[in-house]
Amino acid sequence: MTTPTRPLPAHKPAPDQEVWELRLYVAGESPRSLLAFSNLKRMCEEHVPGRYKIEVIDLLKHPQLAAGDQIVAIPTLVRKLPEPLRRIVGDLRNTERTLVGLQLRPAPHEGSQSEGSS
């Protein structure tokens, strides 16, 4: 007698074990493109060491690939995984903004009023 097999439930890795899939859209080896890659690599090594994949897409060589991720400016970073998809435009020099954008750090509290405002 054969026992029917059930598919195993999808196993989602713990947040500290998720692999980060990142795409960096650039235009050749411009200074901003190189700076964006350097900044991204540094942040990944500091915050998700050994758990990231960076795919660099040069839109000068492959302009048709811009449509897939709706790229309208470069450099642009797209976080494919973990979901949800996130986009960050610029050379990623503002580490705090980039980490918040990638959801590696919580956003600072907004709406706090300074003293004396009415």
PDB file of N, CA and C in Angstrom:
ATOM      1  N   MET A   1       0.850  -1.181   0.000  1.00  0.00           N
ATOM      2  CA  MET A   1       0.000   0.000   0.000  1.00  0.00           C
ATOM      3  C   MET A   1       0.896   1.244   0.000  1.00  0.00           C
ATOM      4  N   THR A   2       0.566   2.170  -0.845  1.00  0.00           N
ATOM      5  CA  THR A   2       1.362   3.380  -0.964  1.00  0.00           C
ATOM      6  C   THR A   2       0.657   4.512  -0.224  1.00  0.00           C
ATOM      7  N   THR A   3       1.417   5.210   0.583  1.00  0.00           N
ATOM      8  CA  THR A   3       0.870   6.349   1.307  1.00  0.00           C
ATOM      9  C   THR A   3       1.052   7.591   0.452  1.00  0.00           C
ATOM     10  N   PRO A   4      -0.026   8.350   0.222  1.00  0.00           N
ATOM     11  CA  PRO A   4       0.124   9.562  -0.591  1.00  0.00           C
ATOM     12  C   PRO A   4       1.076  10.537   0.101  1.00  0.00           C
ATOM     13  N   THR A   5       1.893  11.175  -0.695  1.00  0.00           N
ATOM     14  CA  THR A   5       2.815  12.161  -0.123  1.00  0.00           C
ATOM     15  C   THR A   5       2.236  13.547  -0.304  1.00  0.00           C
ATOM     16  N   ARG A   6       2.430  14.335   0.706  1.00  0.00           N
ATOM     17  CA  ARG A   6       1.992  15.723   0.655  1.00  0.00           C
ATOM     18  C   ARG A   6       3.204  16.610   0.442  1.00  0.00           C
ATOM     19  N   PRO A   7       3.032  17.672  -0.323  1.00  0.00           N
ATOM     20  CA  PRO A   7       4.177  18.575  -0.485  1.00  0.00           C
ATOM     21  C   PRO A   7       4.542  19.201   0.857  1.00  0.00           C
ATOM     22  N   LEU A   8       5.805  19.337   1.080  1.00  0.00           N
ATOM     23  CA  LEU A   8       6.256  19.972   2.309  1.00  0.00           C
ATOM     24  C   LEU A   8       5.942  21.455   2.251  1.00  0.00           C
ATOM     25  N   PRO A   9       5.591  22.046   3.385  1.00  0.00           N
ATOM     26  CA  PRO A   9       5.347  23.488   3.367  1.00  0.00           C
ATOM     27  C   PRO A   9       6.626  24.223   2.992  1.00  0.00           C
ATOM     28  N   ALA A  10       6.447  25.337   2.296  1.00  0.00           N
ATOM     29  CA  ALA A  10       7.608  26.133   1.890  1.00  0.00           C
ATOM     30  C   ALA A  10       8.339  26.602   3.134  1.00  0.00           C
ATOM     31  N   HIS A  11       9.626  26.413   3.125  1.00  0.00           N
ATOM     32  CA  HIS A  11      10.442  26.822   4.266  1.00  0.00           C
ATOM     33  C   HIS A  11      11.038  28.184   3.981  1.00  0.00           C
ATOM     34  N   LYS A  12      10.716  29.123   4.813  1.00  0.00           N
ATOM     35  CA  LYS A  12      11.275  30.459   4.659  1.00  0.00           C
ATOM     36  C   LYS A  12      12.448  30.580   5.623  1.00  0.00           C
ATOM     37  N   PRO A  13      13.637  30.938   5.110  1.00  0.00           N
ATOM     38  CA  PRO A  13      14.785  31.037   5.994  1.00  0.00           C
ATOM     39  C   PRO A  13      14.596  32.141   7.027  1.00  0.00           C
ATOM     40  N   ALA A  14      15.268  31.978   8.151  1.00  0.00           N
ATOM     41  CA  ALA A  14      15.228  33.005   9.189  1.00  0.00           C
ATOM     42  C   ALA A  14      15.793  34.299   8.606  1.00  0.00           C
ATOM     43  N   PRO A  15      15.316  35.460   9.082  1.00  0.00           N
ATOM     44  CA  PRO A  15      15.777  36.734   8.530  1.00  0.00           C
ATOM     45  C   PRO A  15      17.300  36.876   8.517  1.00  0.00           C
ATOM     46  N   ASP A  16      17.972  36.270   9.488  1.00  0.00           N
ATOM     47  CA  ASP A  16      19.425  36.400   9.521  1.00  0.00           C
ATOM     48  C   ASP A  16      20.125  35.390   8.618  1.00  0.00           C
ATOM     49  N   GLN A  17      19.343  34.604   7.846  1.00  0.00           N
ATOM     50  CA  GLN A  17      19.922  33.650   6.912  1.00  0.00           C
ATOM     51  C   GLN A  17      19.446  33.871   5.478  1.00  0.00           C
ATOM     52  N   GLU A  18      18.579  34.845   5.265  1.00  0.00           N
ATOM     53  CA  GLU A  18      18.073  35.124   3.921  1.00  0.00           C
ATOM     54  C   GLU A  18      19.197  35.610   3.022  1.00  0.00           C
ATOM     55  N   VAL A  19      19.155  35.175   1.771  1.00  0.00           N
ATOM     56  CA  VAL A  19      20.113  35.660   0.779  1.00  0.00           C
ATOM     57  C   VAL A  19      19.498  36.887   0.105  1.00  0.00           C
ATOM     58  N   TRP A  20      20.266  37.935   0.035  1.00  0.00           N
ATOM     59  CA  TRP A  20      19.820  39.184  -0.570  1.00  0.00           C
ATOM     60  C   TRP A  20      20.218  39.189  -2.025  1.00  0.00           C
ATOM     61  N   GLU A  21      19.224  39.312  -2.917  1.00  0.00           N
ATOM     62  CA  GLU A  21      19.474  39.407  -4.355  1.00  0.00           C
ATOM     63  C   GLU A  21      19.289  40.860  -4.764  1.00  0.00           C
ATOM     64  N   LEU A  22      20.382  41.452  -5.213  1.00  0.00           N
ATOM     65  CA  LEU A  22      20.399  42.867  -5.536  1.00  0.00           C
ATOM     66  C   LEU A  22      20.831  43.073  -6.976  1.00  0.00           C
ATOM     67  N   ARG A  23      20.182  44.021  -7.644  1.00  0.00           N
ATOM     68  CA  ARG A  23      20.571  44.405  -9.001  1.00  0.00           C
ATOM     69  C   ARG A  23      20.927  45.874  -8.979  1.00  0.00           C
ATOM     70  N   LEU A  24      22.080  46.174  -9.519  1.00  0.00           N
ATOM     71  CA  LEU A  24      22.514  47.562  -9.615  1.00  0.00           C
ATOM     72  C   LEU A  24      22.577  47.935 -11.091  1.00  0.00           C
ATOM     73  N   TYR A  25      21.711  48.860 -11.487  1.00  0.00           N
ATOM     74  CA  TYR A  25      21.668  49.349 -12.863  1.00  0.00           C
ATOM     75  C   TYR A  25      22.595  50.553 -12.966  1.00  0.00           C
ATOM     76  N   VAL A  26      23.534  50.492 -13.922  1.00  0.00           N
ATOM     77  CA  VAL A  26      24.516  51.550 -14.097  1.00  0.00           C
ATOM     78  C   VAL A  26      24.624  51.919 -15.573  1.00  0.00           C
ATOM     79  N   ALA A  27      25.380  52.990 -15.838  1.00  0.00           N
ATOM     80  CA  ALA A  27      25.663  53.408 -17.212  1.00  0.00           C
ATOM     81  C   ALA A  27      27.174  53.375 -17.393  1.00  0.00           C
ATOM     82  N   GLY A  28      27.684  52.240 -17.826  1.00  0.00           N
ATOM     83  CA  GLY A  28      29.122  52.106 -18.030  1.00  0.00           C
ATOM     84  C   GLY A  28      29.878  52.190 -16.724  1.00  0.00           C
ATOM     85  N   GLU A  29      31.133  52.648 -16.824  1.00  0.00           N
ATOM     86  CA  GLU A  29      31.980  52.760 -15.641  1.00  0.00           C
ATOM     87  C   GLU A  29      32.150  54.220 -15.252  1.00  0.00           C
ATOM     88  N   SER A  30      31.039  54.930 -15.184  1.00  0.00           N
ATOM     89  CA  SER A  30      31.080  56.337 -14.784  1.00  0.00           C
ATOM     90  C   SER A  30      31.465  56.421 -13.305  1.00  0.00           C
ATOM     91  N   PRO A  31      31.963  57.570 -12.869  1.00  0.00           N
ATOM     92  CA  PRO A  31      32.309  57.718 -11.454  1.00  0.00           C
ATOM     93  C   PRO A  31      31.132  57.407 -10.521  1.00  0.00           C
ATOM     94  N   ARG A  32      29.931  57.843 -10.886  1.00  0.00           N
ATOM     95  CA  ARG A  32      28.762  57.564 -10.025  1.00  0.00           C
ATOM     96  C   ARG A  32      28.448  56.080  -9.983  1.00  0.00           C
ATOM     97  N   SER A  33      28.596  55.392 -11.103  1.00  0.00           N
ATOM     98  CA  SER A  33      28.344  53.956 -11.150  1.00  0.00           C
ATOM     99  C   SER A  33      29.340  53.210 -10.276  1.00  0.00           C
ATOM    100  N   LEU A  34      30.603  53.567 -10.387  1.00  0.00           N
ATOM    101  CA  LEU A  34      31.640  52.917  -9.588  1.00  0.00           C
ATOM    102  C   LEU A  34      31.454  53.202  -8.103  1.00  0.00           C
ATOM    103  N   LEU A  35      31.063  54.438  -7.779  1.00  0.00           N
ATOM    104  CA  LEU A  35      30.820  54.800  -6.382  1.00  0.00           C
ATOM    105  C   LEU A  35      29.628  54.021  -5.827  1.00  0.00           C
ATOM    106  N   ALA A  36      28.569  53.898  -6.620  1.00  0.00           N
ATOM    107  CA  ALA A  36      27.391  53.148  -6.173  1.00  0.00           C
ATOM    108  C   ALA A  36      27.758  51.699  -5.885  1.00  0.00           C
ATOM    109  N   PHE A  37      28.526  51.068  -6.777  1.00  0.00           N
ATOM    110  CA  PHE A  37      28.919  49.679  -6.560  1.00  0.00           C
ATOM    111  C   PHE A  37      29.790  49.547  -5.315  1.00  0.00           C
ATOM    112  N   SER A  38      30.752  50.430  -5.163  1.00  0.00           N
ATOM    113  CA  SER A  38      31.641  50.398  -3.998  1.00  0.00           C
ATOM    114  C   SER A  38      30.859  50.562  -2.699  1.00  0.00           C
ATOM    115  N   ASN A  39      29.945  51.527  -2.675  1.00  0.00           N
ATOM    116  CA  ASN A  39      29.129  51.755  -1.477  1.00  0.00           C
ATOM    117  C   ASN A  39      28.236  50.548  -1.176  1.00  0.00           C
ATOM    118  N   LEU A  40      27.634  49.980  -2.206  1.00  0.00           N
ATOM    119  CA  LEU A  40      26.757  48.823  -2.017  1.00  0.00           C
ATOM    120  C   LEU A  40      27.544  47.637  -1.471  1.00  0.00           C
ATOM    121  N   LYS A  41      28.689  47.354  -2.042  1.00  0.00           N
ATOM    122  CA  LYS A  41      29.508  46.226  -1.594  1.00  0.00           C
ATOM    123  C   LYS A  41      29.916  46.403  -0.133  1.00  0.00           C
ATOM    124  N   ARG A  42      30.320  47.620   0.236  1.00  0.00           N
ATOM    125  CA  ARG A  42      30.706  47.906   1.623  1.00  0.00           C
ATOM    126  C   ARG A  42      29.543  47.657   2.582  1.00  0.00           C
ATOM    127  N   MET A  43      28.362  48.162   2.229  1.00  0.00           N
ATOM    128  CA  MET A  43      27.197  47.985   3.106  1.00  0.00           C
ATOM    129  C   MET A  43      26.809  46.514   3.230  1.00  0.00           C
ATOM    130  N   CYS A  44      26.874  45.787   2.132  1.00  0.00           N
ATOM    131  CA  CYS A  44      26.542  44.360   2.177  1.00  0.00           C
ATOM    132  C   CYS A  44      27.511  43.607   3.062  1.00  0.00           C
ATOM    133  N   GLU A  45      28.791  43.911   2.943  1.00  0.00           N
ATOM    134  CA  GLU A  45      29.791  43.231   3.775  1.00  0.00           C
ATOM    135  C   GLU A  45      29.593  43.544   5.254  1.00  0.00           C
ATOM    136  N   GLU A  46      29.140  44.753   5.560  1.00  0.00           N
ATOM    137  CA  GLU A  46      28.925  45.145   6.950  1.00  0.00           C
ATOM    138  C   GLU A  46      27.630  44.578   7.527  1.00  0.00           C
ATOM    139  N   HIS A  47      26.568  44.495   6.723  1.00  0.00           N
ATOM    140  CA  HIS A  47      25.238  44.193   7.263  1.00  0.00           C
ATOM    141  C   HIS A  47      24.672  42.831   6.876  1.00  0.00           C
ATOM    142  N   VAL A  48      25.099  42.254   5.766  1.00  0.00           N
ATOM    143  CA  VAL A  48      24.641  40.910   5.366  1.00  0.00           C
ATOM    144  C   VAL A  48      25.823  40.113   4.803  1.00  0.00           C
ATOM    145  N   PRO A  49      26.922  40.020   5.564  1.00  0.00           N
ATOM    146  CA  PRO A  49      28.124  39.379   5.040  1.00  0.00           C
ATOM    147  C   PRO A  49      27.875  37.933   4.613  1.00  0.00           C
ATOM    148  N   GLY A  50      28.315  37.614   3.396  1.00  0.00           N
ATOM    149  CA  GLY A  50      28.190  36.266   2.877  1.00  0.00           C
ATOM    150  C   GLY A  50      26.787  35.852   2.482  1.00  0.00           C
ATOM    151  N   ARG A  51      25.826  36.775   2.557  1.00  0.00           N
ATOM    152  CA  ARG A  51      24.429  36.437   2.258  1.00  0.00           C
ATOM    153  C   ARG A  51      23.842  37.355   1.196  1.00  0.00           C
ATOM    154  N   TYR A  52      24.648  37.728   0.224  1.00  0.00           N
ATOM    155  CA  TYR A  52      24.136  38.626  -0.809  1.00  0.00           C
ATOM    156  C   TYR A  52      24.710  38.256  -2.165  1.00  0.00           C
ATOM    157  N   LYS A  53      23.944  38.613  -3.199  1.00  0.00           N
ATOM    158  CA  LYS A  53      24.374  38.474  -4.586  1.00  0.00           C
ATOM    159  C   LYS A  53      24.106  39.815  -5.250  1.00  0.00           C
ATOM    160  N   ILE A  54      25.131  40.360  -5.888  1.00  0.00           N
ATOM    161  CA  ILE A  54      24.974  41.627  -6.602  1.00  0.00           C
ATOM    162  C   ILE A  54      25.122  41.352  -8.094  1.00  0.00           C
ATOM    163  N   GLU A  55      24.098  41.730  -8.846  1.00  0.00           N
ATOM    164  CA  GLU A  55      24.148  41.642 -10.304  1.00  0.00           C
ATOM    165  C   GLU A  55      24.217  43.065 -10.830  1.00  0.00           C
ATOM    166  N   VAL A  56      25.284  43.384 -11.544  1.00  0.00           N
ATOM    167  CA  VAL A  56      25.442  44.722 -12.116  1.00  0.00           C
ATOM    168  C   VAL A  56      24.990  44.669 -13.570  1.00  0.00           C
ATOM    169  N   ILE A  57      24.057  45.540 -13.916  1.00  0.00           N
ATOM    170  CA  ILE A  57      23.530  45.597 -15.281  1.00  0.00           C
ATOM    171  C   ILE A  57      23.909  46.935 -15.890  1.00  0.00           C
ATOM    172  N   ASP A  58      24.716  46.878 -16.935  1.00  0.00           N
ATOM    173  CA  ASP A  58      25.170  48.065 -17.633  1.00  0.00           C
ATOM    174  C   ASP A  58      24.150  48.394 -18.725  1.00  0.00           C
ATOM    175  N   LEU A  59      23.418  49.465 -18.535  1.00  0.00           N
ATOM    176  CA  LEU A  59      22.367  49.833 -19.480  1.00  0.00           C
ATOM    177  C   LEU A  59      22.916  50.412 -20.782  1.00  0.00           C
ATOM    178  N   LEU A  60      24.195  50.742 -20.826  1.00  0.00           N
ATOM    179  CA  LEU A  60      24.788  51.137 -22.113  1.00  0.00           C
ATOM    180  C   LEU A  60      24.927  49.920 -23.019  1.00  0.00           C
ATOM    181  N   LYS A  61      25.151  48.757 -22.415  1.00  0.00           N
ATOM    182  CA  LYS A  61      25.289  47.518 -23.183  1.00  0.00           C
ATOM    183  C   LYS A  61      23.954  46.799 -23.365  1.00  0.00           C
ATOM    184  N   HIS A  62      23.055  46.928 -22.381  1.00  0.00           N
ATOM    185  CA  HIS A  62      21.782  46.200 -22.405  1.00  0.00           C
ATOM    186  C   HIS A  62      20.618  47.132 -22.048  1.00  0.00           C
ATOM    187  N   PRO A  63      20.335  48.143 -22.863  1.00  0.00           N
ATOM    188  CA  PRO A  63      19.279  49.110 -22.511  1.00  0.00           C
ATOM    189  C   PRO A  63      17.894  48.486 -22.385  1.00  0.00           C
ATOM    190  N   GLN A  64      17.655  47.376 -23.088  1.00  0.00           N
ATOM    191  CA  GLN A  64      16.345  46.732 -23.038  1.00  0.00           C
ATOM    192  C   GLN A  64      16.026  46.187 -21.639  1.00  0.00           C
ATOM    193  N   LEU A  65      17.024  45.977 -20.804  1.00  0.00           N
ATOM    194  CA  LEU A  65      16.790  45.418 -19.472  1.00  0.00           C
ATOM    195  C   LEU A  65      16.212  46.441 -18.487  1.00  0.00           C
ATOM    196  N   ALA A  66      16.225  47.709 -18.850  1.00  0.00           N
ATOM    197  CA  ALA A  66      15.693  48.748 -17.964  1.00  0.00           C
ATOM    198  C   ALA A  66      14.181  48.605 -17.771  1.00  0.00           C
ATOM    199  N   ALA A  67      13.484  48.134 -18.783  1.00  0.00           N
ATOM    200  CA  ALA A  67      12.023  48.054 -18.705  1.00  0.00           C
ATOM    201  C   ALA A  67      11.553  47.048 -17.663  1.00  0.00           C
ATOM    202  N   GLY A  68      12.266  45.947 -17.519  1.00  0.00           N
ATOM    203  CA  GLY A  68      11.833  44.890 -16.598  1.00  0.00           C
ATOM    204  C   GLY A  68      11.673  45.354 -15.165  1.00  0.00           C
ATOM    205  N   ASP A  69      12.584  46.204 -14.689  1.00  0.00           N
ATOM    206  CA  ASP A  69      12.509  46.713 -13.321  1.00  0.00           C
ATOM    207  C   ASP A  69      12.091  48.180 -13.284  1.00  0.00           C
ATOM    208  N   GLN A  70      11.556  48.675 -14.400  1.00  0.00           N
ATOM    209  CA  GLN A  70      11.047  50.045 -14.500  1.00  0.00           C
ATOM    210  C   GLN A  70      12.093  51.070 -14.068  1.00  0.00           C
ATOM    211  N   ILE A  71      13.266  50.992 -14.669  1.00  0.00           N
ATOM    212  CA  ILE A  71      14.370  51.889 -14.339  1.00  0.00           C
ATOM    213  C   ILE A  71      14.219  53.180 -15.131  1.00  0.00           C
ATOM    214  N   VAL A  72      14.192  54.312 -14.425  1.00  0.00           N
ATOM    215  CA  VAL A  72      14.044  55.606 -15.076  1.00  0.00           C
ATOM    216  C   VAL A  72      15.233  56.525 -14.806  1.00  0.00           C
ATOM    217  N   ALA A  73      16.101  56.145 -13.875  1.00  0.00           N
ATOM    218  CA  ALA A  73      17.291  56.935 -13.549  1.00  0.00           C
ATOM    219  C   ALA A  73      18.404  55.960 -13.178  1.00  0.00           C
ATOM    220  N   ILE A  74      19.639  56.424 -13.341  1.00  0.00           N
ATOM    221  CA  ILE A  74      20.758  55.565 -12.974  1.00  0.00           C
ATOM    222  C   ILE A  74      21.793  56.379 -12.200  1.00  0.00           C
ATOM    223  N   PRO A  75      22.525  55.738 -11.316  1.00  0.00           N
ATOM    224  CA  PRO A  75      22.394  54.336 -10.933  1.00  0.00           C
ATOM    225  C   PRO A  75      21.140  54.089 -10.101  1.00  0.00           C
ATOM    226  N   THR A  76      20.588  52.890 -10.228  1.00  0.00           N
ATOM    227  CA  THR A  76      19.445  52.456  -9.435  1.00  0.00           C
ATOM    228  C   THR A  76      19.729  51.071  -8.885  1.00  0.00           C
ATOM    229  N   LEU A  77      19.459  50.911  -7.597  1.00  0.00           N
ATOM    230  CA  LEU A  77      19.586  49.620  -6.936  1.00  0.00           C
ATOM    231  C   LEU A  77      18.194  49.027  -6.777  1.00  0.00           C
ATOM    232  N   VAL A  78      18.044  47.751  -7.142  1.00  0.00           N
ATOM    233  CA  VAL A  78      16.781  47.046  -6.967  1.00  0.00           C
ATOM    234  C   VAL A  78      17.038  45.847  -6.070  1.00  0.00           C
ATOM    235  N   ARG A  79      16.309  45.790  -4.969  1.00  0.00           N
ATOM    236  CA  ARG A  79      16.384  44.618  -4.103  1.00  0.00           C
ATOM    237  C   ARG A  79      15.285  43.667  -4.543  1.00  0.00           C
ATOM    238  N   LYS A  80      15.683  42.527  -5.130  1.00  0.00           N
ATOM    239  CA  LYS A  80      14.728  41.522  -5.595  1.00  0.00           C
ATOM    240  C   LYS A  80      14.271  40.653  -4.435  1.00  0.00           C
ATOM    241  N   LEU A  81      15.219  40.184  -3.645  1.00  0.00           N
ATOM    242  CA  LEU A  81      14.937  39.361  -2.468  1.00  0.00           C
ATOM    243  C   LEU A  81      15.770  39.878  -1.314  1.00  0.00           C
ATOM    244  N   PRO A  82      15.287  39.792  -0.103  1.00  0.00           N
ATOM    245  CA  PRO A  82      13.960  39.318   0.271  1.00  0.00           C
ATOM    246  C   PRO A  82      12.888  40.308  -0.152  1.00  0.00           C
ATOM    247  N   GLU A  83      11.704  39.764  -0.364  1.00  0.00           N
ATOM    248  CA  GLU A  83      10.574  40.606  -0.753  1.00  0.00           C
ATOM    249  C   GLU A  83      10.184  41.494   0.410  1.00  0.00           C
ATOM    250  N   PRO A  84       9.561  42.623   0.196  1.00  0.00           N
ATOM    251  CA  PRO A  84       9.089  43.164  -1.064  1.00  0.00           C
ATOM    252  C   PRO A  84      10.223  43.818  -1.846  1.00  0.00           C
ATOM    253  N   LEU A  85      10.004  43.936  -3.155  1.00  0.00           N
ATOM    254  CA  LEU A  85      10.948  44.592  -4.035  1.00  0.00           C
ATOM    255  C   LEU A  85      11.113  46.040  -3.595  1.00  0.00           C
ATOM    256  N   ARG A  86      12.348  46.515  -3.601  1.00  0.00           N
ATOM    257  CA  ARG A  86      12.632  47.903  -3.213  1.00  0.00           C
ATOM    258  C   ARG A  86      13.564  48.514  -4.249  1.00  0.00           C
ATOM    259  N   ARG A  87      13.434  49.833  -4.492  1.00  0.00           N
ATOM    260  CA  ARG A  87      14.304  50.556  -5.415  1.00  0.00           C
ATOM    261  C   ARG A  87      14.912  51.755  -4.702  1.00  0.00           C
ATOM    262  N   ILE A  88      16.192  51.979  -4.988  1.00  0.00           N
ATOM    263  CA  ILE A  88      16.886  53.155  -4.454  1.00  0.00           C
ATOM    264  C   ILE A  88      17.670  53.765  -5.607  1.00  0.00           C
ATOM    265  N   VAL A  89      17.461  55.054  -5.845  1.00  0.00           N
ATOM    266  CA  VAL A  89      18.129  55.752  -6.938  1.00  0.00           C
ATOM    267  C   VAL A  89      19.281  56.576  -6.361  1.00  0.00           C
ATOM    268  N   GLY A  90      20.420  56.537  -7.039  1.00  0.00           N
ATOM    269  CA  GLY A  90      21.555  57.367  -6.634  1.00  0.00           C
ATOM    270  C   GLY A  90      22.800  56.542  -6.410  1.00  0.00           C
ATOM    271  N   ASP A  91      23.858  57.212  -5.957  1.00  0.00           N
ATOM    272  CA  ASP A  91      25.147  56.538  -5.805  1.00  0.00           C
ATOM    273  C   ASP A  91      25.318  55.863  -4.447  1.00  0.00           C
ATOM    274  N   LEU A  92      24.274  55.865  -3.633  1.00  0.00           N
ATOM    275  CA  LEU A  92      24.231  55.153  -2.349  1.00  0.00           C
ATOM    276  C   LEU A  92      25.239  55.685  -1.342  1.00  0.00           C
ATOM    277  N   ARG A  93      25.664  56.933  -1.510  1.00  0.00           N
ATOM    278  CA  ARG A  93      26.648  57.491  -0.572  1.00  0.00           C
ATOM    279  C   ARG A  93      26.047  57.776   0.796  1.00  0.00           C
ATOM    280  N   ASN A  94      24.731  58.013   0.856  1.00  0.00           N
ATOM    281  CA  ASN A  94      24.072  58.248   2.143  1.00  0.00           C
ATOM    282  C   ASN A  94      23.742  56.880   2.753  1.00  0.00           C
ATOM    283  N   THR A  95      24.642  56.393   3.586  1.00  0.00           N
ATOM    284  CA  THR A  95      24.517  55.050   4.145  1.00  0.00           C
ATOM    285  C   THR A  95      23.214  54.877   4.904  1.00  0.00           C
ATOM    286  N   GLU A  96      22.861  55.824   5.743  1.00  0.00           N
ATOM    287  CA  GLU A  96      21.646  55.714   6.555  1.00  0.00           C
ATOM    288  C   GLU A  96      20.410  55.597   5.668  1.00  0.00           C
ATOM    289  N   ARG A  97      20.311  56.459   4.667  1.00  0.00           N
ATOM    290  CA  ARG A  97      19.164  56.434   3.749  1.00  0.00           C
ATOM    291  C   ARG A  97      19.100  55.102   3.004  1.00  0.00           C
ATOM    292  N   THR A  98      20.255  54.606   2.574  1.00  0.00           N
ATOM    293  CA  THR A  98      20.295  53.342   1.841  1.00  0.00           C
ATOM    294  C   THR A  98      19.884  52.183   2.728  1.00  0.00           C
ATOM    295  N   LEU A  99      20.386  52.146   3.963  1.00  0.00           N
ATOM    296  CA  LEU A  99      20.033  51.054   4.879  1.00  0.00           C
ATOM    297  C   LEU A  99      18.541  51.073   5.212  1.00  0.00           C
ATOM    298  N   VAL A 100      17.975  52.252   5.373  1.00  0.00           N
ATOM    299  CA  VAL A 100      16.532  52.361   5.620  1.00  0.00           C
ATOM    300  C   VAL A 100      15.777  51.906   4.379  1.00  0.00           C
ATOM    301  N   GLY A 101      16.230  52.336   3.196  1.00  0.00           N
ATOM    302  CA  GLY A 101      15.581  51.950   1.945  1.00  0.00           C
ATOM    303  C   GLY A 101      15.598  50.447   1.710  1.00  0.00           C
ATOM    304  N   LEU A 102      16.678  49.801   2.111  1.00  0.00           N
ATOM    305  CA  LEU A 102      16.790  48.347   1.967  1.00  0.00           C
ATOM    306  C   LEU A 102      16.101  47.599   3.104  1.00  0.00           C
ATOM    307  N   GLN A 103      15.608  48.337   4.070  1.00  0.00           N
ATOM    308  CA  GLN A 103      14.958  47.794   5.263  1.00  0.00           C
ATOM    309  C   GLN A 103      15.937  46.992   6.122  1.00  0.00           C
ATOM    310  N   LEU A 104      17.173  47.451   6.150  1.00  0.00           N
ATOM    311  CA  LEU A 104      18.165  46.880   7.056  1.00  0.00           C
ATOM    312  C   LEU A 104      18.228  47.657   8.358  1.00  0.00           C
ATOM    313  N   ARG A 105      17.593  48.805   8.372  1.00  0.00           N
ATOM    314  CA  ARG A 105      17.549  49.644   9.562  1.00  0.00           C
ATOM    315  C   ARG A 105      16.189  50.316   9.578  1.00  0.00           C
ATOM    316  N   PRO A 106      15.545  50.418  10.753  1.00  0.00           N
ATOM    317  CA  PRO A 106      14.237  51.084  10.798  1.00  0.00           C
ATOM    318  C   PRO A 106      14.352  52.567  10.479  1.00  0.00           C
ATOM    319  N   ALA A 107      13.294  53.094   9.895  1.00  0.00           N
ATOM    320  CA  ALA A 107      13.257  54.524   9.561  1.00  0.00           C
ATOM    321  C   ALA A 107      13.215  55.338  10.846  1.00  0.00           C
ATOM    322  N   PRO A 108      13.882  56.484  10.860  1.00  0.00           N
ATOM    323  CA  PRO A 108      13.784  57.354  12.029  1.00  0.00           C
ATOM    324  C   PRO A 108      12.337  57.819  12.192  1.00  0.00           C
ATOM    325  N   HIS A 109      11.960  58.087  13.415  1.00  0.00           N
ATOM    326  CA  HIS A 109      10.584  58.525  13.673  1.00  0.00           C
ATOM    327  C   HIS A 109      10.340  59.875  13.039  1.00  0.00           C
ATOM    328  N   GLU A 110       9.266  59.947  12.268  1.00  0.00           N
ATOM    329  CA  GLU A 110       8.895  61.203  11.639  1.00  0.00           C
ATOM    330  C   GLU A 110       7.757  61.815  12.447  1.00  0.00           C
ATOM    331  N   GLY A 111       7.545  63.081  12.245  1.00  0.00           N
ATOM    332  CA  GLY A 111       6.425  63.730  12.896  1.00  0.00           C
ATOM    333  C   GLY A 111       6.770  64.294  14.264  1.00  0.00           C
ATOM    334  N   SER A 112       8.001  64.110  14.718  1.00  0.00           N
ATOM    335  CA  SER A 112       8.356  64.715  16.006  1.00  0.00           C
ATOM    336  C   SER A 112       8.539  66.195  15.776  1.00  0.00           C
ATOM    337  N   GLN A 113       7.914  66.967  16.626  1.00  0.00           N
ATOM    338  CA  GLN A 113       7.952  68.413  16.460  1.00  0.00           C
ATOM    339  C   GLN A 113       9.025  69.002  17.342  1.00  0.00           C
ATOM    340  N   SER A 114       9.668  70.037  16.834  1.00  0.00           N
ATOM    341  CA  SER A 114      10.664  70.733  17.655  1.00  0.00           C
ATOM    342  C   SER A 114       9.929  71.661  18.601  1.00  0.00           C
ATOM    343  N   GLU A 115      10.622  71.992  19.689  1.00  0.00           N
ATOM    344  CA  GLU A 115      10.001  72.868  20.684  1.00  0.00           C
ATOM    345  C   GLU A 115       9.713  74.230  20.073  1.00  0.00           C
ATOM    346  N   GLY A 116       8.637  74.800  20.483  1.00  0.00           N
ATOM    347  CA  GLY A 116       8.275  76.128  20.052  1.00  0.00           C
ATOM    348  C   GLY A 116       7.458  76.170  18.764  1.00  0.00           C
ATOM    349  N   SER A 117       7.212  75.025  18.149  1.00  0.00           N
ATOM    350  CA  SER A 117       6.394  75.058  16.940  1.00  0.00           C
ATOM    351  C   SER A 117       4.927  75.029  17.331  1.00  0.00           C
ATOM    352  N   SER A 118       4.092  75.640  16.532  1.00  0.00           N
ATOM    353  CA  SER A 118       2.678  75.681  16.889  1.00  0.00           C
ATOM    354  C   SER A 118       1.828  74.870  16.006  1.00  0.00           C
TER     355      SER A 118
END
